[in-house]
Amino acid sequence: MIKNIFIKLFLVIIFFSCKKENISSSNGNTSGNGSGVTITPSTATSWNGIFNVGKFYTITGGTITTFYNVTVNLFKIPQPFPGLSGLKIDSVKLNGIPLMFDPMSDSSYTDTSGFSSGIQPPIVYPYTYKVINTANSYLPSFTYTENGPFPTVTGYIAWPDTIIKSVGANISLVGAVNADQITINIHGGVYQASKTLVPPYPAIVNFSQADLSSIDTSIHSSIEVVLIKIDNKKVNGKPVMFGMGLNVTKNIPIK
């Protein structure tokens, strides 16, 4: 069991926002490699490095747009995100493309190189991180290849186009695979109704009238489903977590 620090993958700088849940991770689905570096499965609950790739679908008026986001956080001591002991190293690359150190953070390398803007090509498996660190011993230099696949769900094609609070809503999770955890959020203004699930997943998740009672119908509203997959590893004995996920958001009216 490991703590899931990822519920939303999907701020511009942070792949996931913070919420801690105990979930199972699928450690054997990816592979790592590096010169003189040993990479093995782990059950750590805090890390020297957190590497995240997210895939985003946004549905508005029947049109689906897709983008990707990459965020890496590095720490001097193993700890869950957000960190208080950030680490800066020589470089971090994904598929040979440099990630940029965020000057507003003491630990983050963020996607300023064009993945989310579409300047760079879509991120598909397998993809490879390359970390170069010659300045300290907190994390070794290494390469790591994710073989995937991303979490996926197909049930969004059946999500409602409108939600009536007094009736409730059924959210389809048909086709949900490769996820260690799924969180469903129904947003309305500053309020949201949320449910978090771990496998096995039901085909339908119901939100009752009571679940939706606090939703604000006067402001932007949406259905959001976040699927998280966690690959927990040790790199030369240092705990490192590789995360990957899918966020599907459908913008709809709630009445």
C-alpha atoms as a PDB file:
ATOM      1  CA  MET A   1       0.000   0.000   0.000  1.00  0.00           C
ATOM      2  CA  ILE A   2       1.268   3.467  -0.788  1.00  0.00           C
ATOM      3  CA  LYS A   3      -0.062   6.934  -0.245  1.00  0.00           C
ATOM      4  CA  ASN A   4      -1.611   8.441  -3.290  1.00  0.00           C
ATOM      5  CA  ILE A   5      -0.639  12.076  -3.398  1.00  0.00           C
ATOM      6  CA  PHE A   6      -2.386  12.469  -6.711  1.00  0.00           C
ATOM      7  CA  ILE A   7      -6.036  13.239  -7.083  1.00  0.00           C
ATOM      8  CA  LYS A   8      -6.031  15.825  -9.839  1.00  0.00           C
ATOM      9  CA  LEU A   9      -3.335  15.620 -12.392  1.00  0.00           C
ATOM     10  CA  PHE A  10      -4.156  18.784 -13.792  1.00  0.00           C
ATOM     11  CA  LEU A  11      -2.847  22.075 -12.724  1.00  0.00           C
ATOM     12  CA  VAL A  12      -0.420  23.650 -15.213  1.00  0.00           C
ATOM     13  CA  ILE A  13       2.536  23.204 -12.849  1.00  0.00           C
ATOM     14  CA  ILE A  14       1.387  20.218 -10.783  1.00  0.00           C
ATOM     15  CA  PHE A  15       0.216  17.037 -12.486  1.00  0.00           C
ATOM     16  CA  PHE A  16      -1.863  16.139  -9.455  1.00  0.00           C
ATOM     17  CA  SER A  17      -3.100  18.145  -6.517  1.00  0.00           C
ATOM     18  CA  CYS A  18      -2.596  16.787  -3.034  1.00  0.00           C
ATOM     19  CA  LYS A  19      -4.795  14.286  -1.334  1.00  0.00           C
ATOM     20  CA  LYS A  20      -3.434  11.290   0.517  1.00  0.00           C
ATOM     21  CA  GLU A  21      -5.125   7.938   0.157  1.00  0.00           C
ATOM     22  CA  ASN A  22      -3.872   4.407   0.625  1.00  0.00           C
ATOM     23  CA  ILE A  23      -3.919   2.567  -2.668  1.00  0.00           C
ATOM     24  CA  SER A  24      -2.161  -0.365  -4.282  1.00  0.00           C
ATOM     25  CA  SER A  25       0.420   0.223  -6.976  1.00  0.00           C
ATOM     26  CA  SER A  26       1.251  -2.008  -9.891  1.00  0.00           C
ATOM     27  CA  ASN A  27       5.024  -2.211  -9.611  1.00  0.00           C
ATOM     28  CA  GLY A  28       5.805  -4.768 -12.289  1.00  0.00           C
ATOM     29  CA  ASN A  29       4.341  -3.128 -15.361  1.00  0.00           C
ATOM     30  CA  THR A  30       7.273  -0.919 -16.345  1.00  0.00           C
ATOM     31  CA  SER A  31      11.018  -1.280 -16.716  1.00  0.00           C
ATOM     32  CA  GLY A  32      14.058   0.847 -15.888  1.00  0.00           C
ATOM     33  CA  ASN A  33      17.579   0.898 -17.174  1.00  0.00           C
ATOM     34  CA  GLY A  34      20.753   2.880 -16.542  1.00  0.00           C
ATOM     35  CA  SER A  35      24.495   2.644 -16.573  1.00  0.00           C
ATOM     36  CA  GLY A  36      25.500   1.019 -13.281  1.00  0.00           C
ATOM     37  CA  VAL A  37      22.126   1.823 -11.721  1.00  0.00           C
ATOM     38  CA  THR A  38      19.904  -0.779 -10.074  1.00  0.00           C
ATOM     39  CA  ILE A  39      16.137  -0.198 -10.354  1.00  0.00           C
ATOM     40  CA  THR A  40      13.842  -2.430  -8.300  1.00  0.00           C
ATOM     41  CA  PRO A  41      10.196  -2.428  -7.130  1.00  0.00           C
ATOM     42  CA  SER A  42       9.426  -0.520  -3.928  1.00  0.00           C
ATOM     43  CA  THR A  43       6.638  -0.005  -1.411  1.00  0.00           C
ATOM     44  CA  ALA A  44       7.874   3.408  -0.221  1.00  0.00           C
ATOM     45  CA  THR A  45       5.398   6.047   0.923  1.00  0.00           C
ATOM     46  CA  SER A  46       7.758   8.997   0.416  1.00  0.00           C
ATOM     47  CA  TRP A  47      10.313   9.629  -2.295  1.00  0.00           C
ATOM     48  CA  ASN A  48      13.451  11.420  -3.456  1.00  0.00           C
ATOM     49  CA  GLY A  49      11.849  11.879  -6.856  1.00  0.00           C
ATOM     50  CA  ILE A  50       8.307  12.054  -8.243  1.00  0.00           C
ATOM     51  CA  PHE A  51       7.974  11.850 -12.037  1.00  0.00           C
ATOM     52  CA  ASN A  52       4.569  12.459 -13.603  1.00  0.00           C
ATOM     53  CA  VAL A  53       3.098  12.365 -17.101  1.00  0.00           C
ATOM     54  CA  GLY A  54      -0.553  13.214 -17.579  1.00  0.00           C
ATOM     55  CA  LYS A  55      -2.876  12.940 -20.544  1.00  0.00           C
ATOM     56  CA  PHE A  56      -5.918  15.234 -20.620  1.00  0.00           C
ATOM     57  CA  TYR A  57      -9.197  15.041 -22.544  1.00  0.00           C
ATOM     58  CA  THR A  58     -11.541  18.039 -22.413  1.00  0.00           C
ATOM     59  CA  ILE A  59     -15.012  17.648 -23.910  1.00  0.00           C
ATOM     60  CA  THR A  60     -16.987  20.773 -24.766  1.00  0.00           C
ATOM     61  CA  GLY A  61     -20.054  20.696 -26.975  1.00  0.00           C
ATOM     62  CA  GLY A  62     -19.129  17.289 -28.360  1.00  0.00           C
ATOM     63  CA  THR A  63     -15.569  18.310 -29.295  1.00  0.00           C
ATOM     64  CA  ILE A  64     -12.639  16.567 -27.599  1.00  0.00           C
ATOM     65  CA  THR A  65      -9.278  18.319 -27.190  1.00  0.00           C
ATOM     66  CA  THR A  66      -6.155  16.527 -25.936  1.00  0.00           C
ATOM     67  CA  PHE A  67      -2.966  17.746 -24.290  1.00  0.00           C
ATOM     68  CA  TYR A  68      -0.156  16.413 -22.099  1.00  0.00           C
ATOM     69  CA  ASN A  69       1.638  17.659 -18.988  1.00  0.00           C
ATOM     70  CA  VAL A  70       4.956  16.657 -17.397  1.00  0.00           C
ATOM     71  CA  THR A  71       6.132  17.524 -13.875  1.00  0.00           C
ATOM     72  CA  VAL A  72       9.129  16.259 -11.881  1.00  0.00           C
ATOM     73  CA  ASN A  73       9.719  16.994  -8.187  1.00  0.00           C
ATOM     74  CA  LEU A  74      13.023  16.132  -6.498  1.00  0.00           C
ATOM     75  CA  PHE A  75      13.846  16.107  -2.772  1.00  0.00           C
ATOM     76  CA  LYS A  76      16.951  15.906  -0.566  1.00  0.00           C
ATOM     77  CA  ILE A  77      15.198  13.499   1.791  1.00  0.00           C
ATOM     78  CA  PRO A  78      12.461  10.994   0.974  1.00  0.00           C
ATOM     79  CA  GLN A  79       9.134  12.708   1.527  1.00  0.00           C
ATOM     80  CA  PRO A  80       5.640  12.987   0.069  1.00  0.00           C
ATOM     81  CA  PHE A  81       4.754  15.977  -2.091  1.00  0.00           C
ATOM     82  CA  PRO A  82       4.723  18.933  -1.537  1.00  0.00           C
ATOM     83  CA  GLY A  83       8.291  19.049  -0.351  1.00  0.00           C
ATOM     84  CA  LEU A  84      10.096  21.248   2.107  1.00  0.00           C
ATOM     85  CA  SER A  85      13.561  20.133   1.111  1.00  0.00           C
ATOM     86  CA  GLY A  86      13.901  20.648  -2.594  1.00  0.00           C
ATOM     87  CA  LEU A  87      16.720  19.383  -4.757  1.00  0.00           C
ATOM     88  CA  LYS A  88      18.192  20.994  -7.883  1.00  0.00           C
ATOM     89  CA  ILE A  89      20.257  18.838 -10.232  1.00  0.00           C
ATOM     90  CA  ASP A  90      22.031  19.165 -13.569  1.00  0.00           C
ATOM     91  CA  SER A  91      19.157  18.225 -15.852  1.00  0.00           C
ATOM     92  CA  VAL A  92      15.971  16.235 -16.375  1.00  0.00           C
ATOM     93  CA  LYS A  93      14.831  15.194 -19.842  1.00  0.00           C
ATOM     94  CA  LEU A  94      11.835  13.326 -21.208  1.00  0.00           C
ATOM     95  CA  ASN A  95      12.455  11.672 -24.576  1.00  0.00           C
ATOM     96  CA  GLY A  96      15.540  13.872 -24.914  1.00  0.00           C
ATOM     97  CA  ILE A  97      13.564  17.097 -24.402  1.00  0.00           C
ATOM     98  CA  PRO A  98      14.724  19.173 -21.399  1.00  0.00           C
ATOM     99  CA  LEU A  99      12.312  20.027 -18.616  1.00  0.00           C
ATOM    100  CA  MET A 100      12.829  23.441 -17.047  1.00  0.00           C
ATOM    101  CA  PHE A 101      13.515  24.161 -13.380  1.00  0.00           C
ATOM    102  CA  ASP A 102      10.692  26.207 -11.892  1.00  0.00           C
ATOM    103  CA  PRO A 103      12.199  29.276 -10.168  1.00  0.00           C
ATOM    104  CA  MET A 104       9.034  29.626  -8.063  1.00  0.00           C
ATOM    105  CA  SER A 105       9.706  26.231  -6.460  1.00  0.00           C
ATOM    106  CA  ASP A 106      12.655  24.616  -4.698  1.00  0.00           C
ATOM    107  CA  SER A 107      11.978  21.198  -6.216  1.00  0.00           C
ATOM    108  CA  SER A 108      10.040  21.284  -9.494  1.00  0.00           C
ATOM    109  CA  TYR A 109      10.989  20.705 -13.101  1.00  0.00           C
ATOM    110  CA  THR A 110       7.977  21.613 -15.180  1.00  0.00           C
ATOM    111  CA  ASP A 111       6.645  21.381 -18.687  1.00  0.00           C
ATOM    112  CA  THR A 112       7.734  24.657 -20.218  1.00  0.00           C
ATOM    113  CA  SER A 113       9.171  22.990 -23.294  1.00  0.00           C
ATOM    114  CA  GLY A 114       5.966  22.564 -25.224  1.00  0.00           C
ATOM    115  CA  PHE A 115       4.284  19.263 -24.343  1.00  0.00           C
ATOM    116  CA  SER A 116       1.092  20.916 -23.083  1.00  0.00           C
ATOM    117  CA  SER A 117       1.090  23.558 -25.836  1.00  0.00           C
ATOM    118  CA  GLY A 118       1.436  21.011 -28.616  1.00  0.00           C
ATOM    119  CA  ILE A 119       4.840  22.279 -29.772  1.00  0.00           C
ATOM    120  CA  GLN A 120       6.287  18.889 -28.862  1.00  0.00           C
ATOM    121  CA  PRO A 121       4.758  15.633 -30.160  1.00  0.00           C
ATOM    122  CA  PRO A 122       2.255  13.688 -28.028  1.00  0.00           C
ATOM    123  CA  ILE A 123       3.794  11.528 -25.308  1.00  0.00           C
ATOM    124  CA  VAL A 124       3.353   7.870 -26.161  1.00  0.00           C
ATOM    125  CA  TYR A 125       4.771   4.741 -24.536  1.00  0.00           C
ATOM    126  CA  PRO A 126       7.492   3.786 -24.207  1.00  0.00           C
ATOM    127  CA  TYR A 127       8.968   7.089 -23.044  1.00  0.00           C
ATOM    128  CA  THR A 128      12.282   7.666 -21.264  1.00  0.00           C
ATOM    129  CA  TYR A 129      13.409   9.970 -18.473  1.00  0.00           C
ATOM    130  CA  LYS A 130      17.087  10.880 -18.273  1.00  0.00           C
ATOM    131  CA  VAL A 131      18.358  12.388 -15.007  1.00  0.00           C
ATOM    132  CA  ILE A 132      21.861  13.846 -14.686  1.00  0.00           C
ATOM    133  CA  ASN A 133      23.061  14.680 -11.172  1.00  0.00           C
ATOM    134  CA  THR A 134      26.769  15.230 -10.491  1.00  0.00           C
ATOM    135  CA  ALA A 135      26.386  17.725  -7.632  1.00  0.00           C
ATOM    136  CA  ASN A 136      25.200  15.540  -4.750  1.00  0.00           C
ATOM    137  CA  SER A 137      24.306  12.025  -3.604  1.00  0.00           C
ATOM    138  CA  TYR A 138      20.600  12.540  -2.912  1.00  0.00           C
ATOM    139  CA  LEU A 139      19.614  10.977  -6.235  1.00  0.00           C
ATOM    140  CA  PRO A 140      21.836   9.162  -8.755  1.00  0.00           C
ATOM    141  CA  SER A 141      22.035   9.876 -12.449  1.00  0.00           C
ATOM    142  CA  PHE A 142      19.832   7.371 -14.262  1.00  0.00           C
ATOM    143  CA  THR A 143      17.574   6.668 -17.196  1.00  0.00           C
ATOM    144  CA  TYR A 144      14.157   5.108 -16.818  1.00  0.00           C
ATOM    145  CA  THR A 145      11.797   3.869 -19.503  1.00  0.00           C
ATOM    146  CA  GLU A 146       8.034   3.628 -18.933  1.00  0.00           C
ATOM    147  CA  ASN A 147       6.445   0.938 -21.052  1.00  0.00           C
ATOM    148  CA  GLY A 148       2.890   1.934 -20.180  1.00  0.00           C
ATOM    149  CA  PRO A 149       0.095   1.896 -20.950  1.00  0.00           C
ATOM    150  CA  PHE A 150      -1.739   4.991 -19.735  1.00  0.00           C
ATOM    151  CA  PRO A 151      -4.908   4.488 -17.738  1.00  0.00           C
ATOM    152  CA  THR A 152      -7.935   4.651 -19.979  1.00  0.00           C
ATOM    153  CA  VAL A 153     -11.732   4.813 -19.862  1.00  0.00           C
ATOM    154  CA  THR A 154     -14.307   4.771 -22.658  1.00  0.00           C
ATOM    155  CA  GLY A 155     -17.464   5.396 -20.656  1.00  0.00           C
ATOM    156  CA  TYR A 156     -17.240   9.172 -21.071  1.00  0.00           C
ATOM    157  CA  ILE A 157     -19.132   8.817 -24.356  1.00  0.00           C
ATOM    158  CA  ALA A 158     -22.212   8.036 -22.229  1.00  0.00           C
ATOM    159  CA  TRP A 159     -21.808  10.836 -19.677  1.00  0.00           C
ATOM    160  CA  PRO A 160     -24.859  13.114 -19.458  1.00  0.00           C
ATOM    161  CA  ASP A 161     -24.985  16.384 -21.370  1.00  0.00           C
ATOM    162  CA  THR A 162     -26.909  17.989 -18.502  1.00  0.00           C
ATOM    163  CA  ILE A 163     -27.210  17.104 -14.806  1.00  0.00           C
ATOM    164  CA  ILE A 164     -30.408  17.838 -12.883  1.00  0.00           C
ATOM    165  CA  LYS A 165     -29.576  18.132  -9.169  1.00  0.00           C
ATOM    166  CA  SER A 166     -32.995  16.938  -8.086  1.00  0.00           C
ATOM    167  CA  VAL A 167     -32.582  13.761 -10.168  1.00  0.00           C
ATOM    168  CA  GLY A 168     -28.913  12.909  -9.568  1.00  0.00           C
ATOM    169  CA  ALA A 169     -26.446  11.534 -12.105  1.00  0.00           C
ATOM    170  CA  ASN A 170     -24.938   8.270 -13.288  1.00  0.00           C
ATOM    171  CA  ILE A 171     -21.294   8.422 -14.393  1.00  0.00           C
ATOM    172  CA  SER A 172     -20.061   5.561 -16.556  1.00  0.00           C
ATOM    173  CA  LEU A 173     -16.656   3.986 -15.893  1.00  0.00           C
ATOM    174  CA  VAL A 174     -16.994   1.451 -18.680  1.00  0.00           C
ATOM    175  CA  GLY A 175     -13.598   0.550 -20.103  1.00  0.00           C
ATOM    176  CA  ALA A 176     -11.639   1.785 -17.071  1.00  0.00           C
ATOM    177  CA  VAL A 177      -8.335  -0.122 -17.004  1.00  0.00           C
ATOM    178  CA  ASN A 178      -4.691   0.319 -15.942  1.00  0.00           C
ATOM    179  CA  ALA A 179      -5.652   2.553 -12.996  1.00  0.00           C
ATOM    180  CA  ASP A 180      -4.732   2.107  -9.320  1.00  0.00           C
ATOM    181  CA  GLN A 181      -7.328   4.691  -8.326  1.00  0.00           C
ATOM    182  CA  ILE A 182     -10.163   6.671  -9.905  1.00  0.00           C
ATOM    183  CA  THR A 183     -11.627   9.886  -8.546  1.00  0.00           C
ATOM    184  CA  ILE A 184     -14.881  11.312  -9.910  1.00  0.00           C
ATOM    185  CA  ASN A 185     -15.613  14.998  -9.331  1.00  0.00           C
ATOM    186  CA  ILE A 186     -18.775  16.859 -10.271  1.00  0.00           C
ATOM    187  CA  HIS A 187     -17.904  20.551 -10.130  1.00  0.00           C
ATOM    188  CA  GLY A 188     -20.257  23.482  -9.728  1.00  0.00           C
ATOM    189  CA  GLY A 189     -18.703  26.825  -8.842  1.00  0.00           C
ATOM    190  CA  VAL A 190     -16.428  26.461  -5.812  1.00  0.00           C
ATOM    191  CA  TYR A 191     -18.251  23.301  -4.719  1.00  0.00           C
ATOM    192  CA  GLN A 192     -17.815  19.739  -5.865  1.00  0.00           C
ATOM    193  CA  ALA A 193     -19.153  16.285  -5.154  1.00  0.00           C
ATOM    194  CA  SER A 194     -16.417  13.635  -5.158  1.00  0.00           C
ATOM    195  CA  LYS A 195     -16.090   9.880  -4.974  1.00  0.00           C
ATOM    196  CA  THR A 196     -12.817   7.933  -4.950  1.00  0.00           C
ATOM    197  CA  LEU A 197     -12.619   4.273  -5.929  1.00  0.00           C
ATOM    198  CA  VAL A 198     -10.048   1.488  -6.099  1.00  0.00           C
ATOM    199  CA  PRO A 199     -10.300  -1.723  -8.150  1.00  0.00           C
ATOM    200  CA  PRO A 200     -12.493  -3.500  -9.014  1.00  0.00           C
ATOM    201  CA  TYR A 201     -14.400  -0.626 -10.600  1.00  0.00           C
ATOM    202  CA  PRO A 202     -18.171  -0.591 -11.111  1.00  0.00           C
ATOM    203  CA  ALA A 203     -19.550   0.153 -14.560  1.00  0.00           C
ATOM    204  CA  ILE A 204     -21.726   2.981 -13.184  1.00  0.00           C
ATOM    205  CA  VAL A 205     -21.220   5.343 -10.231  1.00  0.00           C
ATOM    206  CA  ASN A 206     -24.328   7.116  -8.955  1.00  0.00           C
ATOM    207  CA  PHE A 207     -24.417  10.616  -7.487  1.00  0.00           C
ATOM    208  CA  SER A 208     -27.658  11.105  -5.600  1.00  0.00           C
ATOM    209  CA  GLN A 209     -29.675  14.273  -5.073  1.00  0.00           C
ATOM    210  CA  ALA A 210     -28.059  14.511  -1.625  1.00  0.00           C
ATOM    211  CA  ASP A 211     -24.562  14.165  -3.123  1.00  0.00           C
ATOM    212  CA  LEU A 212     -25.230  17.113  -5.436  1.00  0.00           C
ATOM    213  CA  SER A 213     -27.033  19.332  -2.947  1.00  0.00           C
ATOM    214  CA  SER A 214     -24.154  21.839  -2.515  1.00  0.00           C
ATOM    215  CA  ILE A 215     -23.379  22.217  -6.217  1.00  0.00           C
ATOM    216  CA  ASP A 216     -23.669  25.817  -7.453  1.00  0.00           C
ATOM    217  CA  THR A 217     -25.714  25.877 -10.664  1.00  0.00           C
ATOM    218  CA  SER A 218     -25.007  29.518 -11.489  1.00  0.00           C
ATOM    219  CA  ILE A 219     -21.340  29.096 -12.427  1.00  0.00           C
ATOM    220  CA  HIS A 220     -19.245  26.895 -14.701  1.00  0.00           C
ATOM    221  CA  SER A 221     -19.820  23.199 -14.083  1.00  0.00           C
ATOM    222  CA  SER A 222     -18.309  19.942 -15.278  1.00  0.00           C
ATOM    223  CA  ILE A 223     -17.794  16.217 -14.795  1.00  0.00           C
ATOM    224  CA  GLU A 224     -14.170  15.244 -14.146  1.00  0.00           C
ATOM    225  CA  VAL A 225     -12.788  11.716 -13.902  1.00  0.00           C
ATOM    226  CA  VAL A 226      -9.140  11.234 -12.897  1.00  0.00           C
ATOM    227  CA  LEU A 227      -7.442   7.861 -13.393  1.00  0.00           C
ATOM    228  CA  ILE A 228      -4.101   7.332 -11.652  1.00  0.00           C
ATOM    229  CA  LYS A 229      -1.424   4.692 -12.175  1.00  0.00           C
ATOM    230  CA  ILE A 230       1.594   4.562  -9.853  1.00  0.00           C
ATOM    231  CA  ASP A 231       4.883   2.763 -10.475  1.00  0.00           C
ATOM    232  CA  ASN A 232       6.893   2.697  -7.226  1.00  0.00           C
ATOM    233  CA  LYS A 233      10.627   2.015  -7.589  1.00  0.00           C
ATOM    234  CA  LYS A 234      14.019   2.254  -5.884  1.00  0.00           C
ATOM    235  CA  VAL A 235      16.863   3.719  -7.959  1.00  0.00           C
ATOM    236  CA  ASN A 236      20.149   2.624  -6.378  1.00  0.00           C
ATOM    237  CA  GLY A 237      18.203   2.295  -3.140  1.00  0.00           C
ATOM    238  CA  LYS A 238      16.602   5.753  -3.435  1.00  0.00           C
ATOM    239  CA  PRO A 239      12.787   5.741  -3.480  1.00  0.00           C
ATOM    240  CA  VAL A 240      11.367   7.175  -6.698  1.00  0.00           C
ATOM    241  CA  MET A 241       7.762   7.208  -7.837  1.00  0.00           C
ATOM    242  CA  PHE A 242       6.710   7.309 -11.492  1.00  0.00           C
ATOM    243  CA  GLY A 243       3.118   8.411 -12.008  1.00  0.00           C
ATOM    244  CA  MET A 244       0.960   8.402 -15.104  1.00  0.00           C
ATOM    245  CA  GLY A 245      -2.643   9.343 -15.516  1.00  0.00           C
ATOM    246  CA  LEU A 246      -5.639  10.328 -17.550  1.00  0.00           C
ATOM    247  CA  ASN A 247      -7.962  13.239 -16.790  1.00  0.00           C
ATOM    248  CA  VAL A 248     -11.266  13.421 -18.674  1.00  0.00           C
ATOM    249  CA  THR A 249     -13.336  16.568 -18.157  1.00  0.00           C
ATOM    250  CA  LYS A 250     -16.730  17.219 -19.738  1.00  0.00           C
ATOM    251  CA  ASN A 251     -18.102  20.748 -19.493  1.00  0.00           C
ATOM    252  CA  ILE A 252     -21.869  20.621 -18.976  1.00  0.00           C
ATOM    253  CA  PRO A 253     -24.697  22.639 -17.398  1.00  0.00           C
ATOM    254  CA  ILE A 254     -26.035  21.608 -13.992  1.00  0.00           C
ATOM    255  CA  LYS A 255     -29.579  22.665 -13.179  1.00  0.00           C
END
